[in-house]
Amino acid sequence: MSANKIILRNRRGAEVAAIFFDEESHRWRIVSKAEPKFKRDFCTQKEALDVWHANFHTGTGKLASGDELRTEVTFDVASLGALTSLCVEPRETFA
């Protein structure tokens, strides 16, 4: 498996989402089967994983409300974190 894609599975082993690196935009994306309209790019793999854990229900892949429990999720990736900072953002300069 490529380190450019992380398959997110629930406790039953069903695939609920994936985090992958888009070669064209040089950004990370979350693709959830339950939330196909969720469109957001991330500069790092860690940022995408953090957003996944903070905002999605790991059992269903749906966007979670604040009171829902986020249960365990397994990662199906050979080297998690191999590509973590490929996005270069413009920096502010101060005179």
Protein backbone atom coordinates (compact mmCIF):
# COMPACT_ATOMS: atom_id res chain seq x y z
CA MET A 1 0.00 0.00 0.00
CA SER A 2 1.15 3.48 -0.78
CA ALA A 3 1.98 5.90 2.04
CA ASN A 4 -0.04 8.42 0.00
CA LYS A 5 -3.31 6.86 1.16
CA ILE A 6 -4.66 5.85 4.55
CA ILE A 7 -7.73 3.62 4.69
CA LEU A 8 -9.86 4.31 7.78
CA ARG A 9 -11.84 1.33 9.05
CA ASN A 10 -14.34 0.98 11.87
CA ARG A 11 -14.22 -1.70 14.57
CA ARG A 12 -15.98 -4.19 12.30
CA GLY A 13 -13.30 -3.69 9.66
CA ALA A 14 -15.54 -1.84 7.21
CA GLU A 15 -13.88 0.96 5.26
CA VAL A 16 -15.53 4.25 6.25
CA ALA A 17 -13.14 6.79 4.75
CA ALA A 18 -9.71 7.44 3.30
CA ILE A 19 -7.15 10.17 3.60
CA PHE A 20 -5.05 10.54 0.48
CA PHE A 21 -2.47 12.81 -1.08
CA ASP A 22 -3.65 14.49 -4.29
CA GLU A 23 -0.65 14.71 -6.61
CA GLU A 24 -2.19 17.50 -8.70
CA SER A 25 -2.95 19.93 -5.88
CA HIS A 26 -0.18 18.69 -3.56
CA ARG A 27 -2.70 18.57 -0.72
CA TRP A 28 -4.21 15.93 1.54
CA ARG A 29 -7.93 15.13 1.36
CA ILE A 30 -10.48 13.24 3.41
CA VAL A 31 -12.94 11.14 1.43
CA SER A 32 -15.76 9.75 3.54
CA LYS A 33 -18.31 7.37 2.02
CA ALA A 34 -20.98 8.82 4.33
CA GLU A 35 -20.06 12.47 3.62
CA PRO A 36 -19.34 12.72 -0.13
CA LYS A 37 -19.95 16.49 -0.13
CA PHE A 38 -17.19 17.13 2.43
CA LYS A 39 -14.57 19.03 0.42
CA ARG A 40 -11.52 20.39 2.16
CA ASP A 41 -7.80 20.24 1.46
CA PHE A 42 -5.05 20.00 4.06
CA CYS A 43 -1.38 20.89 3.94
CA THR A 44 -0.27 17.89 5.98
CA GLN A 45 -1.33 14.33 6.61
CA LYS A 46 -1.41 15.08 10.34
CA GLU A 47 -3.81 17.99 9.81
CA ALA A 48 -6.19 15.75 7.84
CA LEU A 49 -6.02 13.07 10.55
CA ASP A 50 -6.63 15.66 13.27
CA VAL A 51 -9.70 16.97 11.44
CA TRP A 52 -10.92 13.39 10.94
CA HIS A 53 -10.64 12.59 14.64
CA ALA A 54 -12.15 15.91 15.76
CA ASN A 55 -15.09 16.03 13.35
CA PHE A 56 -16.06 12.57 12.10
CA HIS A 57 -17.68 9.60 13.79
CA THR A 58 -15.11 6.85 13.31
CA GLY A 59 -17.72 4.10 13.25
CA THR A 60 -19.82 5.53 10.44
CA GLY A 61 -17.68 8.14 8.69
CA LYS A 62 -20.39 10.78 9.20
CA LEU A 63 -19.69 14.26 10.48
CA ALA A 64 -20.21 13.98 14.23
CA SER A 65 -21.95 16.29 16.63
CA GLY A 66 -20.00 17.29 19.74
CA ASP A 67 -21.76 14.82 22.03
CA GLU A 68 -21.10 11.69 19.96
CA LEU A 69 -18.36 9.34 21.07
CA ARG A 70 -15.52 8.88 18.68
CA THR A 71 -14.55 5.25 18.90
CA GLU A 72 -11.48 3.41 17.74
CA VAL A 73 -10.40 3.47 14.14
CA THR A 74 -7.67 1.41 12.53
CA PHE A 75 -5.19 2.71 9.99
CA ASP A 76 -4.26 0.61 7.01
CA VAL A 77 -0.99 2.25 6.00
CA ALA A 78 2.59 1.04 5.77
CA SER A 79 4.30 4.16 7.07
CA LEU A 80 1.95 6.64 8.64
CA GLY A 81 3.49 10.07 8.49
CA ALA A 82 5.87 9.45 5.61
CA LEU A 83 4.57 12.50 3.78
CA THR A 84 3.68 15.15 6.29
CA SER A 85 4.68 18.58 5.06
CA LEU A 86 4.53 18.96 1.31
CA CYS A 87 2.36 22.06 1.31
CA VAL A 88 4.16 25.37 1.27
CA GLU A 89 2.04 28.22 2.51
CA PRO A 90 2.98 31.87 1.94
CA ARG A 91 4.46 33.47 5.01
CA GLU A 92 3.61 36.93 6.22
CA THR A 93 6.46 39.35 6.38
CA PHE A 94 6.59 42.26 8.75
CA ALA A 95 8.54 45.42 8.10
